[in-house]
Amino acid sequence: MLEYLHRNFERLVALYEAEREENASLRSRVETATADCKTLRERIAELERQIDNLRLAEAFSAPEGGNGEARLRVDRLIREIDKCISLLEK
């Protein structure tokens, strides 16, 4: 009976160690994925800023008929800047 309990205890400890190692591995993968996600979000934000800048530059270099679009883009950028300023003031 004691031998049976001893074997079960050893098996339980081995299973625990295996689960603990797997848990550590999964935590490491989650941290890596989180860091990758953050990097990609920053890259997306930068690319979106570049797109906005290119659209704005294109609107300003457009022929006379495109001034309305340029004005809308400038207004949108001003609103975005105002939102950022109000967030910084909080």
PDB file of N, CA and C in Angstrom:
ATOM      1  N   MET A   1       0.821  -1.186   0.000  1.00  0.00           N
ATOM      2  CA  MET A   1       0.000   0.000   0.000  1.00  0.00           C
ATOM      3  C   MET A   1       0.873   1.261   0.000  1.00  0.00           C
ATOM      4  N   LEU A   2       1.902   1.255   0.844  1.00  0.00           N
ATOM      5  CA  LEU A   2       2.796   2.403   0.917  1.00  0.00           C
ATOM      6  C   LEU A   2       3.546   2.592  -0.401  1.00  0.00           C
ATOM      7  N   GLU A   3       3.955   1.494  -1.010  1.00  0.00           N
ATOM      8  CA  GLU A   3       4.650   1.554  -2.308  1.00  0.00           C
ATOM      9  C   GLU A   3       3.724   2.142  -3.379  1.00  0.00           C
ATOM     10  N   TYR A   4       2.466   1.759  -3.338  1.00  0.00           N
ATOM     11  CA  TYR A   4       1.471   2.270  -4.287  1.00  0.00           C
ATOM     12  C   TYR A   4       1.333   3.783  -4.140  1.00  0.00           C
ATOM     13  N   LEU A   5       1.242   4.258  -2.909  1.00  0.00           N
ATOM     14  CA  LEU A   5       1.135   5.690  -2.655  1.00  0.00           C
ATOM     15  C   LEU A   5       2.401   6.431  -3.085  1.00  0.00           C
ATOM     16  N   HIS A   6       3.541   5.810  -2.848  1.00  0.00           N
ATOM     17  CA  HIS A   6       4.811   6.413  -3.221  1.00  0.00           C
ATOM     18  C   HIS A   6       4.902   6.580  -4.742  1.00  0.00           C
ATOM     19  N   ARG A   7       4.502   5.541  -5.489  1.00  0.00           N
ATOM     20  CA  ARG A   7       4.528   5.610  -6.959  1.00  0.00           C
ATOM     21  C   ARG A   7       3.572   6.678  -7.465  1.00  0.00           C
ATOM     22  N   ASN A   8       2.387   6.737  -6.888  1.00  0.00           N
ATOM     23  CA  ASN A   8       1.414   7.747  -7.308  1.00  0.00           C
ATOM     24  C   ASN A   8       1.914   9.158  -6.996  1.00  0.00           C
ATOM     25  N   PHE A   9       2.563   9.305  -5.855  1.00  0.00           N
ATOM     26  CA  PHE A   9       3.111  10.596  -5.497  1.00  0.00           C
ATOM     27  C   PHE A   9       4.203  11.023  -6.478  1.00  0.00           C
ATOM     28  N   GLU A  10       5.086  10.107  -6.826  1.00  0.00           N
ATOM     29  CA  GLU A  10       6.161  10.404  -7.787  1.00  0.00           C
ATOM     30  C   GLU A  10       5.578  10.753  -9.154  1.00  0.00           C
ATOM     31  N   ARG A  11       4.552  10.029  -9.554  1.00  0.00           N
ATOM     32  CA  ARG A  11       3.903  10.302 -10.834  1.00  0.00           C
ATOM     33  C   ARG A  11       3.240  11.687 -10.810  1.00  0.00           C
ATOM     34  N   LEU A  12       2.606  12.005  -9.692  1.00  0.00           N
ATOM     35  CA  LEU A  12       1.963  13.303  -9.540  1.00  0.00           C
ATOM     36  C   LEU A  12       2.989  14.439  -9.586  1.00  0.00           C
ATOM     37  N   VAL A  13       4.114  14.250  -8.939  1.00  0.00           N
ATOM     38  CA  VAL A  13       5.175  15.255  -8.949  1.00  0.00           C
ATOM     39  C   VAL A  13       5.723  15.423 -10.366  1.00  0.00           C
ATOM     40  N   ALA A  14       5.911  14.327 -11.085  1.00  0.00           N
ATOM     41  CA  ALA A  14       6.406  14.403 -12.459  1.00  0.00           C
ATOM     42  C   ALA A  14       5.411  15.140 -13.353  1.00  0.00           C
ATOM     43  N   LEU A  15       4.122  14.862 -13.180  1.00  0.00           N
ATOM     44  CA  LEU A  15       3.103  15.562 -13.964  1.00  0.00           C
ATOM     45  C   LEU A  15       3.085  17.048 -13.627  1.00  0.00           C
ATOM     46  N   TYR A  16       3.242  17.366 -12.360  1.00  0.00           N
ATOM     47  CA  TYR A  16       3.283  18.760 -11.931  1.00  0.00           C
ATOM     48  C   TYR A  16       4.453  19.492 -12.583  1.00  0.00           C
ATOM     49  N   GLU A  17       5.627  18.884 -12.562  1.00  0.00           N
ATOM     50  CA  GLU A  17       6.814  19.494 -13.161  1.00  0.00           C
ATOM     51  C   GLU A  17       6.627  19.707 -14.656  1.00  0.00           C
ATOM     52  N   ALA A  18       6.039  18.745 -15.330  1.00  0.00           N
ATOM     53  CA  ALA A  18       5.799  18.876 -16.770  1.00  0.00           C
ATOM     54  C   ALA A  18       4.837  20.032 -17.044  1.00  0.00           C
ATOM     55  N   GLU A  19       3.786  20.137 -16.256  1.00  0.00           N
ATOM     56  CA  GLU A  19       2.819  21.227 -16.432  1.00  0.00           C
ATOM     57  C   GLU A  19       3.455  22.581 -16.119  1.00  0.00           C
ATOM     58  N   ARG A  20       4.307  22.615 -15.120  1.00  0.00           N
ATOM     59  CA  ARG A  20       4.979  23.854 -14.761  1.00  0.00           C
ATOM     60  C   ARG A  20       5.909  24.324 -15.880  1.00  0.00           C
ATOM     61  N   GLU A  21       6.632  23.390 -16.496  1.00  0.00           N
ATOM     62  CA  GLU A  21       7.502  23.734 -17.619  1.00  0.00           C
ATOM     63  C   GLU A  21       6.685  24.222 -18.817  1.00  0.00           C
ATOM     64  N   GLU A  22       5.575  23.550 -19.081  1.00  0.00           N
ATOM     65  CA  GLU A  22       4.724  23.972 -20.191  1.00  0.00           C
ATOM     66  C   GLU A  22       4.143  25.364 -19.913  1.00  0.00           C
ATOM     67  N   ASN A  23       3.753  25.605 -18.680  1.00  0.00           N
ATOM     68  CA  ASN A  23       3.229  26.907 -18.288  1.00  0.00           C
ATOM     69  C   ASN A  23       4.274  27.996 -18.517  1.00  0.00           C
ATOM     70  N   ALA A  24       5.502  27.741 -18.124  1.00  0.00           N
ATOM     71  CA  ALA A  24       6.583  28.715 -18.320  1.00  0.00           C
ATOM     72  C   ALA A  24       6.803  28.974 -19.809  1.00  0.00           C
ATOM     73  N   SER A  25       6.767  27.919 -20.592  1.00  0.00           N
ATOM     74  CA  SER A  25       6.941  28.062 -22.036  1.00  0.00           C
ATOM     75  C   SER A  25       5.822  28.889 -22.641  1.00  0.00           C
ATOM     76  N   LEU A  26       4.592  28.618 -22.216  1.00  0.00           N
ATOM     77  CA  LEU A  26       3.450  29.366 -22.743  1.00  0.00           C
ATOM     78  C   LEU A  26       3.498  30.829 -22.320  1.00  0.00           C
ATOM     79  N   ARG A  27       3.912  31.078 -21.093  1.00  0.00           N
ATOM     80  CA  ARG A  27       4.046  32.470 -20.640  1.00  0.00           C
ATOM     81  C   ARG A  27       5.080  33.213 -21.486  1.00  0.00           C
ATOM     82  N   SER A  28       6.166  32.543 -21.792  1.00  0.00           N
ATOM     83  CA  SER A  28       7.202  33.152 -22.627  1.00  0.00           C
ATOM     84  C   SER A  28       6.658  33.465 -24.021  1.00  0.00           C
ATOM     85  N   ARG A  29       5.899  32.536 -24.577  1.00  0.00           N
ATOM     86  CA  ARG A  29       5.309  32.768 -25.904  1.00  0.00           C
ATOM     87  C   ARG A  29       4.317  33.925 -25.878  1.00  0.00           C
ATOM     88  N   VAL A  30       3.549  34.034 -24.797  1.00  0.00           N
ATOM     89  CA  VAL A  30       2.587  35.129 -24.679  1.00  0.00           C
ATOM     90  C   VAL A  30       3.328  36.465 -24.599  1.00  0.00           C
ATOM     91  N   GLU A  31       4.402  36.514 -23.818  1.00  0.00           N
ATOM     92  CA  GLU A  31       5.185  37.746 -23.714  1.00  0.00           C
ATOM     93  C   GLU A  31       5.758  38.143 -25.065  1.00  0.00           C
ATOM     94  N   THR A  32       6.271  37.172 -25.804  1.00  0.00           N
ATOM     95  CA  THR A  32       6.818  37.442 -27.130  1.00  0.00           C
ATOM     96  C   THR A  32       5.730  37.938 -28.072  1.00  0.00           C
ATOM     97  N   ALA A  33       4.582  37.283 -28.046  1.00  0.00           N
ATOM     98  CA  ALA A  33       3.476  37.690 -28.914  1.00  0.00           C
ATOM     99  C   ALA A  33       2.984  39.086 -28.545  1.00  0.00           C
ATOM    100  N   THR A  34       2.942  39.396 -27.261  1.00  0.00           N
ATOM    101  CA  THR A  34       2.517  40.719 -26.817  1.00  0.00           C
ATOM    102  C   THR A  34       3.490  41.788 -27.302  1.00  0.00           C
ATOM    103  N   ALA A  35       4.775  41.510 -27.188  1.00  0.00           N
ATOM    104  CA  ALA A  35       5.784  42.461 -27.660  1.00  0.00           C
ATOM    105  C   ALA A  35       5.680  42.642 -29.178  1.00  0.00           C
ATOM    106  N   ASP A  36       5.485  41.554 -29.901  1.00  0.00           N
ATOM    107  CA  ASP A  36       5.325  41.640 -31.351  1.00  0.00           C
ATOM    108  C   ASP A  36       4.091  42.450 -31.713  1.00  0.00           C
ATOM    109  N   CYS A  37       3.018  42.231 -30.994  1.00  0.00           N
ATOM    110  CA  CYS A  37       1.773  42.957 -31.241  1.00  0.00           C
ATOM    111  C   CYS A  37       1.975  44.452 -31.017  1.00  0.00           C
ATOM    112  N   LYS A  38       2.657  44.808 -29.946  1.00  0.00           N
ATOM    113  CA  LYS A  38       2.923  46.214 -29.659  1.00  0.00           C
ATOM    114  C   LYS A  38       3.753  46.841 -30.771  1.00  0.00           C
ATOM    115  N   THR A  39       4.782  46.136 -31.212  1.00  0.00           N
ATOM    116  CA  THR A  39       5.634  46.629 -32.289  1.00  0.00           C
ATOM    117  C   THR A  39       4.833  46.834 -33.569  1.00  0.00           C
ATOM    118  N   LEU A  40       3.979  45.881 -33.880  1.00  0.00           N
ATOM    119  CA  LEU A  40       3.177  45.985 -35.093  1.00  0.00           C
ATOM    120  C   LEU A  40       2.147  47.107 -35.002  1.00  0.00           C
ATOM    121  N   ARG A  41       1.559  47.299 -33.827  1.00  0.00           N
ATOM    122  CA  ARG A  41       0.611  48.413 -33.657  1.00  0.00           C
ATOM    123  C   ARG A  41       1.314  49.758 -33.854  1.00  0.00           C
ATOM    124  N   GLU A  42       2.530  49.878 -33.318  1.00  0.00           N
ATOM    125  CA  GLU A  42       3.295  51.110 -33.497  1.00  0.00           C
ATOM    126  C   GLU A  42       3.621  51.325 -34.970  1.00  0.00           C
ATOM    127  N   ARG A  43       3.965  50.254 -35.652  1.00  0.00           N
ATOM    128  CA  ARG A  43       4.279  50.346 -37.092  1.00  0.00           C
ATOM    129  C   ARG A  43       3.034  50.758 -37.879  1.00  0.00           C
ATOM    130  N   ILE A  44       1.889  50.201 -37.532  1.00  0.00           N
ATOM    131  CA  ILE A  44       0.632  50.561 -38.201  1.00  0.00           C
ATOM    132  C   ILE A  44       0.335  52.040 -37.988  1.00  0.00           C
ATOM    133  N   ALA A  45       0.499  52.511 -36.759  1.00  0.00           N
ATOM    134  CA  ALA A  45       0.238  53.923 -36.465  1.00  0.00           C
ATOM    135  C   ALA A  45       1.169  54.817 -37.275  1.00  0.00           C
ATOM    136  N   GLU A  46       2.434  54.429 -37.360  1.00  0.00           N
ATOM    137  CA  GLU A  46       3.396  55.211 -38.145  1.00  0.00           C
ATOM    138  C   GLU A  46       3.017  55.214 -39.622  1.00  0.00           C
ATOM    139  N   LEU A  47       2.643  54.083 -40.147  1.00  0.00           N
ATOM    140  CA  LEU A  47       2.240  54.016 -41.554  1.00  0.00           C
ATOM    141  C   LEU A  47       0.976  54.833 -41.814  1.00  0.00           C
ATOM    142  N   GLU A  48       0.037  54.819 -40.875  1.00  0.00           N
ATOM    143  CA  GLU A  48      -1.169  55.632 -41.029  1.00  0.00           C
ATOM    144  C   GLU A  48      -0.828  57.116 -41.028  1.00  0.00           C
ATOM    145  N   ARG A  49       0.135  57.524 -40.179  1.00  0.00           N
ATOM    146  CA  ARG A  49       0.573  58.920 -40.192  1.00  0.00           C
ATOM    147  C   ARG A  49       1.210  59.271 -41.532  1.00  0.00           C
ATOM    148  N   GLN A  50       2.008  58.353 -42.064  1.00  0.00           N
ATOM    149  CA  GLN A  50       2.639  58.594 -43.361  1.00  0.00           C
ATOM    150  C   GLN A  50       1.587  58.720 -44.463  1.00  0.00           C
ATOM    151  N   ILE A  51       0.572  57.877 -44.407  1.00  0.00           N
ATOM    152  CA  ILE A  51      -0.512  57.947 -45.395  1.00  0.00           C
ATOM    153  C   ILE A  51      -1.218  59.291 -45.307  1.00  0.00           C
ATOM    154  N   ASP A  52      -1.525  59.723 -44.076  1.00  0.00           N
ATOM    155  CA  ASP A  52      -2.176  61.026 -43.898  1.00  0.00           C
ATOM    156  C   ASP A  52      -1.306  62.154 -44.445  1.00  0.00           C
ATOM    157  N   ASN A  53      -0.012  62.090 -44.163  1.00  0.00           N
ATOM    158  CA  ASN A  53       0.894  63.123 -44.665  1.00  0.00           C
ATOM    159  C   ASN A  53       0.945  63.126 -46.190  1.00  0.00           C
ATOM    160  N   LEU A  54       0.991  61.940 -46.783  1.00  0.00           N
ATOM    161  CA  LEU A  54       1.009  61.858 -48.242  1.00  0.00           C
ATOM    162  C   LEU A  54      -0.287  62.373 -48.851  1.00  0.00           C
ATOM    163  N   ARG A  55      -1.405  62.039 -48.239  1.00  0.00           N
ATOM    164  CA  ARG A  55      -2.688  62.544 -48.742  1.00  0.00           C
ATOM    165  C   ARG A  55      -2.760  64.059 -48.626  1.00  0.00           C
ATOM    166  N   LEU A  56      -2.261  64.597 -47.522  1.00  0.00           N
ATOM    167  CA  LEU A  56      -2.274  66.037 -47.333  1.00  0.00           C
ATOM    168  C   LEU A  56      -1.376  66.712 -48.362  1.00  0.00           C
ATOM    169  N   ALA A  57      -0.195  66.156 -48.567  1.00  0.00           N
ATOM    170  CA  ALA A  57       0.720  66.725 -49.560  1.00  0.00           C
ATOM    171  C   ALA A  57       0.106  66.652 -50.952  1.00  0.00           C
ATOM    172  N   GLU A  58      -0.566  65.554 -51.235  1.00  0.00           N
ATOM    173  CA  GLU A  58      -1.217  65.402 -52.537  1.00  0.00           C
ATOM    174  C   GLU A  58      -2.336  66.421 -52.698  1.00  0.00           C
ATOM    175  N   ALA A  59      -3.093  66.649 -51.634  1.00  0.00           N
ATOM    176  CA  ALA A  59      -4.191  67.606 -51.709  1.00  0.00           C
ATOM    177  C   ALA A  59      -3.672  69.020 -51.958  1.00  0.00           C
ATOM    178  N   PHE A  60      -2.543  69.372 -51.353  1.00  0.00           N
ATOM    179  CA  PHE A  60      -1.987  70.709 -51.561  1.00  0.00           C
ATOM    180  C   PHE A  60      -1.372  70.865 -52.942  1.00  0.00           C
ATOM    181  N   SER A  61      -0.909  69.787 -53.510  1.00  0.00           N
ATOM    182  CA  SER A  61      -0.307  69.880 -54.839  1.00  0.00           C
ATOM    183  C   SER A  61      -1.324  69.631 -55.944  1.00  0.00           C
ATOM    184  N   ALA A  62      -2.581  69.425 -55.579  1.00  0.00           N
ATOM    185  CA  ALA A  62      -3.633  69.173 -56.562  1.00  0.00           C
ATOM    186  C   ALA A  62      -3.965  70.466 -57.300  1.00  0.00           C
ATOM    187  N   PRO A  63      -4.563  70.341 -58.476  1.00  0.00           N
ATOM    188  CA  PRO A  63      -4.966  71.540 -59.212  1.00  0.00           C
ATOM    189  C   PRO A  63      -6.011  72.340 -58.431  1.00  0.00           C
ATOM    190  N   GLU A  64      -6.383  73.489 -58.928  1.00  0.00           N
ATOM    191  CA  GLU A  64      -7.282  74.418 -58.247  1.00  0.00           C
ATOM    192  C   GLU A  64      -8.549  73.778 -57.694  1.00  0.00           C
ATOM    193  N   GLY A  65      -9.120  72.831 -58.370  1.00  0.00           N
ATOM    194  CA  GLY A  65     -10.368  72.224 -57.934  1.00  0.00           C
ATOM    195  C   GLY A  65     -10.233  71.403 -56.665  1.00  0.00           C
ATOM    196  N   GLY A  66      -9.030  71.072 -56.235  1.00  0.00           N
ATOM    197  CA  GLY A  66      -8.828  70.199 -55.081  1.00  0.00           C
ATOM    198  C   GLY A  66      -8.662  70.928 -53.767  1.00  0.00           C
ATOM    199  N   ASN A  67      -8.866  72.233 -53.719  1.00  0.00           N
ATOM    200  CA  ASN A  67      -8.658  72.998 -52.490  1.00  0.00           C
ATOM    201  C   ASN A  67      -9.645  72.617 -51.395  1.00  0.00           C
ATOM    202  N   GLY A  68     -10.846  72.232 -51.758  1.00  0.00           N
ATOM    203  CA  GLY A  68     -11.832  71.842 -50.750  1.00  0.00           C
ATOM    204  C   GLY A  68     -11.382  70.615 -49.978  1.00  0.00           C
ATOM    205  N   GLU A  69     -10.810  69.661 -50.687  1.00  0.00           N
ATOM    206  CA  GLU A  69     -10.313  68.443 -50.041  1.00  0.00           C
ATOM    207  C   GLU A  69      -9.143  68.758 -49.118  1.00  0.00           C
ATOM    208  N   ALA A  70      -8.271  69.645 -49.569  1.00  0.00           N
ATOM    209  CA  ALA A  70      -7.132  70.036 -48.737  1.00  0.00           C
ATOM    210  C   ALA A  70      -7.622  70.692 -47.453  1.00  0.00           C
ATOM    211  N   ARG A  71      -8.617  71.537 -47.578  1.00  0.00           N
ATOM    212  CA  ARG A  71      -9.165  72.223 -46.409  1.00  0.00           C
ATOM    213  C   ARG A  71      -9.766  71.227 -45.417  1.00  0.00           C
ATOM    214  N   LEU A  72     -10.481  70.219 -45.944  1.00  0.00           N
ATOM    215  CA  LEU A  72     -11.058  69.194 -45.076  1.00  0.00           C
ATOM    216  C   LEU A  72      -9.975  68.418 -44.345  1.00  0.00           C
ATOM    217  N   ARG A  73      -8.908  68.111 -45.021  1.00  0.00           N
ATOM    218  CA  ARG A  73      -7.809  67.364 -44.393  1.00  0.00           C
ATOM    219  C   ARG A  73      -7.129  68.200 -43.307  1.00  0.00           C
ATOM    220  N   VAL A  74      -6.909  69.458 -43.608  1.00  0.00           N
ATOM    221  CA  VAL A  74      -6.286  70.340 -42.612  1.00  0.00           C
ATOM    222  C   VAL A  74      -7.194  70.460 -41.395  1.00  0.00           C
ATOM    223  N   ASP A  75      -8.490  70.634 -41.637  1.00  0.00           N
ATOM    224  CA  ASP A  75      -9.435  70.718 -40.516  1.00  0.00           C
ATOM    225  C   ASP A  75      -9.414  69.450 -39.673  1.00  0.00           C
ATOM    226  N   ARG A  76      -9.349  68.291 -40.334  1.00  0.00           N
ATOM    227  CA  ARG A  76      -9.303  67.021 -39.603  1.00  0.00           C
ATOM    228  C   ARG A  76      -8.034  66.926 -38.759  1.00  0.00           C
ATOM    229  N   LEU A  77      -6.907  67.344 -39.333  1.00  0.00           N
ATOM    230  CA  LEU A  77      -5.648  67.317 -38.580  1.00  0.00           C
ATOM    231  C   LEU A  77      -5.695  68.280 -37.394  1.00  0.00           C
ATOM    232  N   ILE A  78      -6.290  69.433 -37.591  1.00  0.00           N
ATOM    233  CA  ILE A  78      -6.401  70.397 -36.488  1.00  0.00           C
ATOM    234  C   ILE A  78      -7.265  69.822 -35.368  1.00  0.00           C
ATOM    235  N   ARG A  79      -8.375  69.174 -35.728  1.00  0.00           N
ATOM    236  CA  ARG A  79      -9.224  68.547 -34.697  1.00  0.00           C
ATOM    237  C   ARG A  79      -8.445  67.472 -33.945  1.00  0.00           C
ATOM    238  N   GLU A  80      -7.664  66.681 -34.673  1.00  0.00           N
ATOM    239  CA  GLU A  80      -6.883  65.625 -34.028  1.00  0.00           C
ATOM    240  C   GLU A  80      -5.845  66.227 -33.084  1.00  0.00           C
ATOM    241  N   ILE A  81      -5.200  67.305 -33.502  1.00  0.00           N
ATOM    242  CA  ILE A  81      -4.220  67.986 -32.647  1.00  0.00           C
ATOM    243  C   ILE A  81      -4.914  68.548 -31.409  1.00  0.00           C
ATOM    244  N   ASP A  82      -6.087  69.137 -31.594  1.00  0.00           N
ATOM    245  CA  ASP A  82      -6.838  69.669 -30.453  1.00  0.00           C
ATOM    246  C   ASP A  82      -7.200  68.568 -29.462  1.00  0.00           C
ATOM    247  N   LYS A  83      -7.587  67.394 -29.965  1.00  0.00           N
ATOM    248  CA  LYS A  83      -7.902  66.273 -29.067  1.00  0.00           C
ATOM    249  C   LYS A  83      -6.670  65.857 -28.279  1.00  0.00           C
ATOM    250  N   CYS A  84      -5.528  65.798 -28.959  1.00  0.00           N
ATOM    251  CA  CYS A  84      -4.290  65.417 -28.273  1.00  0.00           C
ATOM    252  C   CYS A  84      -3.928  66.427 -27.188  1.00  0.00           C
ATOM    253  N   ILE A  85      -4.095  67.701 -27.489  1.00  0.00           N
ATOM    254  CA  ILE A  85      -3.792  68.728 -26.502  1.00  0.00           C
ATOM    255  C   ILE A  85      -4.712  68.617 -25.302  1.00  0.00           C
ATOM    256  N   SER A  86      -6.012  68.384 -25.570  1.00  0.00           N
ATOM    257  CA  SER A  86      -6.943  68.267 -24.447  1.00  0.00           C
ATOM    258  C   SER A  86      -6.637  67.038 -23.604  1.00  0.00           C
ATOM    259  N   LEU A  87      -6.165  65.956 -24.215  1.00  0.00           N
ATOM    260  CA  LEU A  87      -5.783  64.774 -23.442  1.00  0.00           C
ATOM    261  C   LEU A  87      -4.543  65.047 -22.595  1.00  0.00           C
ATOM    262  N   LEU A  88      -3.624  65.825 -23.136  1.00  0.00           N
ATOM    263  CA  LEU A  88      -2.412  66.157 -22.379  1.00  0.00           C
ATOM    264  C   LEU A  88      -2.725  67.068 -21.192  1.00  0.00           C
ATOM    265  N   GLU A  89      -3.761  67.887 -21.312  1.00  0.00           N
ATOM    266  CA  GLU A  89      -4.102  68.815 -20.240  1.00  0.00           C
ATOM    267  C   GLU A  89      -4.767  68.118 -19.066  1.00  0.00           C
ATOM    268  N   LYS A  90      -5.298  66.913 -19.274  1.00  0.00           N
ATOM    269  CA  LYS A  90      -6.012  66.192 -18.189  1.00  0.00           C
ATOM    270  C   LYS A  90      -5.066  65.692 -17.151  1.00  0.00           C
TER     271      LYS A  90
END
